[in-house]
């Protein structure tokens, strides 16, 4: 994998992520744009660098808070 392609992919994803968080694009548009960026920059669907739900911070167990009673 060319690191230049990876850097361009990550920069592109950050731009569309900020657009999604601001409400400029919908979730469906975000998914389409991310898939298009991955294809354009030769990021395979099973790549560890590809954006997926496992790296979504809100869903990670390590970031969850638990109360001890």
N, C-alpha and C. Protein backbone atom coordinates (compact mmCIF):
# COMPACT_ATOMS: atom_id res chain seq x y z
N UNK A 1 0.85 -1.18 0.00
CA UNK A 1 0.00 0.00 0.00
C UNK A 1 0.89 1.24 0.00
N UNK A 2 0.56 2.16 -0.85
CA UNK A 2 1.28 3.41 -0.93
C UNK A 2 0.78 4.34 0.17
N UNK A 3 1.70 4.85 1.01
CA UNK A 3 1.29 5.70 2.12
C UNK A 3 0.71 7.02 1.63
N UNK A 4 1.10 7.46 0.45
CA UNK A 4 0.54 8.68 -0.11
C UNK A 4 -0.96 8.50 -0.37
N UNK A 5 -1.34 7.33 -0.88
CA UNK A 5 -2.76 7.03 -1.10
C UNK A 5 -3.51 7.01 0.23
N UNK A 6 -2.90 6.41 1.24
CA UNK A 6 -3.53 6.33 2.55
C UNK A 6 -3.74 7.72 3.14
N UNK A 7 -2.74 8.58 3.05
CA UNK A 7 -2.88 9.94 3.58
C UNK A 7 -3.96 10.72 2.86
N UNK A 8 -4.05 10.56 1.56
CA UNK A 8 -5.09 11.26 0.80
C UNK A 8 -6.47 10.74 1.17
N UNK A 9 -6.59 9.43 1.38
CA UNK A 9 -7.86 8.84 1.79
C UNK A 9 -8.29 9.39 3.15
N UNK A 10 -7.38 9.40 4.10
CA UNK A 10 -7.71 9.86 5.46
C UNK A 10 -8.08 11.34 5.44
N UNK A 11 -7.35 12.15 4.70
CA UNK A 11 -7.69 13.57 4.61
C UNK A 11 -9.07 13.77 3.98
N UNK A 12 -9.39 13.00 2.96
CA UNK A 12 -10.70 13.09 2.34
C UNK A 12 -11.82 12.68 3.27
N UNK A 13 -11.58 11.62 4.04
CA UNK A 13 -12.59 11.14 4.99
C UNK A 13 -12.84 12.19 6.07
N UNK A 14 -11.80 12.85 6.52
CA UNK A 14 -11.97 13.88 7.55
C UNK A 14 -12.83 15.04 7.04
N UNK A 15 -12.66 15.39 5.78
CA UNK A 15 -13.47 16.47 5.20
C UNK A 15 -14.94 16.07 5.14
N UNK A 16 -15.21 14.87 4.62
CA UNK A 16 -16.62 14.47 4.53
C UNK A 16 -17.21 14.18 5.91
N UNK A 17 -16.36 13.78 6.86
CA UNK A 17 -16.85 13.57 8.23
C UNK A 17 -17.28 14.90 8.84
N UNK A 18 -16.50 15.95 8.63
CA UNK A 18 -16.88 17.25 9.18
C UNK A 18 -18.16 17.78 8.51
N UNK A 19 -18.31 17.50 7.22
CA UNK A 19 -19.55 17.89 6.53
C UNK A 19 -20.75 17.14 7.10
N UNK A 20 -20.56 15.86 7.41
CA UNK A 20 -21.64 15.06 7.99
C UNK A 20 -22.01 15.58 9.39
N UNK A 21 -21.00 15.87 10.20
CA UNK A 21 -21.27 16.35 11.56
C UNK A 21 -21.94 17.72 11.57
N UNK A 22 -21.69 18.53 10.55
CA UNK A 22 -22.33 19.85 10.45
C UNK A 22 -23.72 19.77 9.84
N UNK A 23 -24.10 18.59 9.34
CA UNK A 23 -25.42 18.42 8.76
C UNK A 23 -25.51 18.81 7.30
N UNK A 24 -24.38 19.00 6.65
CA UNK A 24 -24.38 19.38 5.24
C UNK A 24 -24.76 18.20 4.36
N UNK A 25 -24.29 17.00 4.73
CA UNK A 25 -24.61 15.79 3.97
C UNK A 25 -25.27 14.78 4.90
N UNK A 26 -26.01 13.85 4.32
CA UNK A 26 -26.68 12.82 5.10
C UNK A 26 -25.74 11.65 5.35
N UNK A 27 -26.18 10.72 6.19
CA UNK A 27 -25.37 9.54 6.47
C UNK A 27 -25.19 8.69 5.21
N UNK A 28 -26.22 8.62 4.40
CA UNK A 28 -26.15 7.87 3.15
C UNK A 28 -25.10 8.49 2.21
N UNK A 29 -25.10 9.81 2.14
CA UNK A 29 -24.10 10.50 1.31
C UNK A 29 -22.69 10.27 1.86
N UNK A 30 -22.56 10.28 3.17
CA UNK A 30 -21.26 10.04 3.80
C UNK A 30 -20.73 8.65 3.44
N UNK A 31 -21.58 7.65 3.52
CA UNK A 31 -21.17 6.28 3.21
C UNK A 31 -20.76 6.16 1.74
N UNK A 32 -21.54 6.78 0.85
CA UNK A 32 -21.20 6.74 -0.57
C UNK A 32 -19.87 7.44 -0.84
N UNK A 33 -19.67 8.60 -0.23
CA UNK A 33 -18.44 9.36 -0.45
C UNK A 33 -17.23 8.62 0.10
N UNK A 34 -17.38 7.99 1.26
CA UNK A 34 -16.27 7.23 1.85
C UNK A 34 -15.91 6.04 0.98
N UNK A 35 -16.91 5.35 0.45
CA UNK A 35 -16.65 4.21 -0.44
C UNK A 35 -15.96 4.67 -1.72
N UNK A 36 -16.40 5.80 -2.24
CA UNK A 36 -15.78 6.34 -3.44
C UNK A 36 -14.32 6.72 -3.19
N UNK A 37 -14.04 7.35 -2.05
CA UNK A 37 -12.66 7.69 -1.70
C UNK A 37 -11.79 6.45 -1.55
N UNK A 38 -12.33 5.42 -0.91
CA UNK A 38 -11.58 4.18 -0.72
C UNK A 38 -11.24 3.56 -2.07
N UNK A 39 -12.20 3.53 -2.97
CA UNK A 39 -11.96 2.97 -4.30
C UNK A 39 -10.94 3.80 -5.07
N UNK A 40 -11.08 5.12 -4.99
CA UNK A 40 -10.19 6.02 -5.71
C UNK A 40 -8.74 5.90 -5.24
N UNK A 41 -8.55 5.72 -3.95
CA UNK A 41 -7.20 5.67 -3.39
C UNK A 41 -6.71 4.25 -3.10
N UNK A 42 -7.35 3.28 -3.73
CA UNK A 42 -6.92 1.87 -3.67
C UNK A 42 -6.89 1.30 -2.25
N UNK A 43 -7.88 1.67 -1.44
CA UNK A 43 -8.01 1.11 -0.10
C UNK A 43 -9.01 -0.04 -0.20
N UNK A 44 -8.56 -1.25 0.07
CA UNK A 44 -9.41 -2.42 -0.08
C UNK A 44 -10.50 -2.44 1.01
N UNK A 45 -11.65 -3.07 0.73
CA UNK A 45 -12.75 -3.10 1.70
C UNK A 45 -12.39 -3.75 3.04
N UNK A 46 -11.45 -4.68 3.04
CA UNK A 46 -11.08 -5.35 4.28
C UNK A 46 -9.80 -4.79 4.88
N UNK A 47 -9.37 -3.63 4.44
CA UNK A 47 -8.16 -3.00 4.95
C UNK A 47 -8.37 -2.52 6.38
N UNK A 48 -7.32 -2.61 7.20
CA UNK A 48 -7.45 -2.13 8.58
C UNK A 48 -7.50 -0.61 8.63
N UNK A 49 -7.14 0.06 7.54
CA UNK A 49 -7.16 1.52 7.51
C UNK A 49 -8.50 2.09 7.07
N UNK A 50 -9.37 1.24 6.54
CA UNK A 50 -10.67 1.70 6.06
C UNK A 50 -11.57 2.04 7.24
N UNK A 51 -12.30 3.11 7.10
CA UNK A 51 -13.22 3.53 8.14
C UNK A 51 -14.29 2.46 8.35
N UNK A 52 -14.53 2.09 9.61
CA UNK A 52 -15.59 1.13 9.90
C UNK A 52 -16.13 1.36 11.30
N UNK A 53 -17.12 0.60 11.71
CA UNK A 53 -17.76 0.79 13.01
C UNK A 53 -16.86 0.44 14.19
N UNK A 54 -15.84 -0.37 13.97
CA UNK A 54 -14.98 -0.75 15.08
C UNK A 54 -14.14 0.41 15.61
N UNK A 55 -13.92 1.41 14.77
CA UNK A 55 -13.13 2.54 15.24
C UNK A 55 -13.99 3.74 15.60
N UNK A 56 -15.30 3.56 15.62
CA UNK A 56 -16.20 4.61 16.05
C UNK A 56 -16.10 4.72 17.56
N UNK A 57 -15.58 5.85 18.05
CA UNK A 57 -15.26 5.99 19.46
C UNK A 57 -16.47 5.82 20.39
N UNK A 58 -17.62 6.19 19.94
CA UNK A 58 -18.80 6.12 20.81
C UNK A 58 -19.18 4.67 21.13
N UNK A 59 -18.82 3.74 20.28
CA UNK A 59 -19.21 2.35 20.46
C UNK A 59 -18.12 1.48 21.08
N UNK A 60 -16.94 2.03 21.29
CA UNK A 60 -15.84 1.23 21.80
C UNK A 60 -16.00 0.97 23.28
N UNK A 61 -15.75 -0.23 23.71
CA UNK A 61 -15.90 -0.61 25.11
C UNK A 61 -14.87 0.10 25.97
N UNK A 62 -13.69 0.30 25.45
CA UNK A 62 -12.62 0.93 26.22
C UNK A 62 -12.98 2.37 26.62
N UNK A 63 -13.83 3.01 25.84
CA UNK A 63 -14.20 4.39 26.13
C UNK A 63 -15.51 4.50 26.93
N UNK A 64 -16.12 3.39 27.23
CA UNK A 64 -17.38 3.46 27.97
C UNK A 64 -17.11 3.70 29.45
N UNK A 65 -18.10 4.24 30.10
CA UNK A 65 -17.95 4.49 31.52
C UNK A 65 -18.91 3.59 32.29
N UNK A 66 -18.44 3.01 33.35
CA UNK A 66 -19.27 2.15 34.18
C UNK A 66 -19.26 2.67 35.60
N UNK A 67 -20.39 2.51 36.24
CA UNK A 67 -20.50 2.94 37.63
C UNK A 67 -20.31 1.74 38.55
N UNK A 68 -19.51 1.93 39.58
CA UNK A 68 -19.36 0.90 40.59
C UNK A 68 -20.29 1.25 41.74
N UNK A 69 -21.04 0.27 42.16
CA UNK A 69 -21.98 0.53 43.25
C UNK A 69 -21.56 -0.23 44.47
